[in-house]
Amino acid sequence: MGIRFPILFLFVMSRTLGHSAELSALSQAIDPDWIAQALATTGKASIRKRKLPAEQVVWLVIALALYRHQSIPEVVAHLDLVLPDEVNADIAKSALTQARQRLGQAPLAQLFAMSASCWDERHQSGRAWRGLCRYAVDGSTLRTSDSPENRAHFGAQAYASGVVASYPQLRLLTLTALATHLVRDAVFGAYGTNEMLYAKSLLDRVPDHSLTVFDKGFFSASLLLQLQTKGHERHWLIPAKANSTWERLDPHPTDYRVRMKVSPQARQAELDLPAFWEVRAIETTTSHGKKSILLTSLMDRQSLSGKRNGPSV
């Protein structure tokens, strides 16, 4: 299942550095101490001397993602990753495969978590909106290489006609900084798993003092209440669905509090959910004249003013 972590790292790198990124540019952004820490934390640091130490294998996996149209030996030779050996200057292709398998995905996951959070925090300086960092949770799907293992693990889209997609697919959700478009965190897995479940697994990784934007497909009392009640000053903003119903609690024409009922099904699944919850509704009109209603946990009108073209978040 080698697709599981390298594809995520490639996705983040392409979003961060662009499709023309070179390993030399990436090497300047990744602190070598992060690699050492990731290997030590996951128990993958090289204990005995190897021609291809664990630190080099990490760079090999990253390079294979960036130069994915080249073979493993070609990437190794191009980057000169193997330590010199007077007796045998070459390394067998099978040894390269074994080195990747020995490394596993845990160090790459750890490295991604460290680098993504550090890059995000570094670039958030001076970009906060009224003291809040702005993020968006969004979902997508990616194709993987067609193998029995990937089909068994990730699955694929099945059409109404009964035809199954030609390639296995995975479902991906990212937490992306709106000010910089840097990916702060990501989760991914089987195509058939509901996006809402992946979104819930991202909530613990949303920083304090933040505003997270969702699309209307993520409207859920369970999801949104969990975000705002855990942590400190973690807020959300989401478009209302066309069939949303509520009780207005004040007379303001375009900016008012509403009370909504939590569905019995949701309360049965999560016993700590309240029977009702209050949010703020803001009626907006886009520059194209389309009217919509935004719902948010920012209850103070001074925090988010309703404007004709919508709030600039």
Foldseek 3Di string as FASTA:
>chain_A
DVCPQLVVLLVQCCLAPNLPDDVVVVVVLQDLVLLVVLCVVVVNFDDDDDQQGLSLLLSLSNQCSSVVVDDSVVSCVVVVRGHADPVDRDDDPVVSVVSNVSNDCRSVQSSCLVSLQVVVVVPCVPVAQVQAFEKEKDKDKDFDAADPVLCVWANFDADPVRDTDPTRMKMKIFIAGPVRRRTNDMDMTHPPDDVLVRLQVCLVVDAARHEYEYEQVNDALVNQVVNPVPHHRYKYKYWHDPPADWAWDDDDPFKGKTKHAHDPVVCVVPVPRDRIDIWIWGWEAAPVGDITIMTMNPNDCVSFPRDHRGTDD
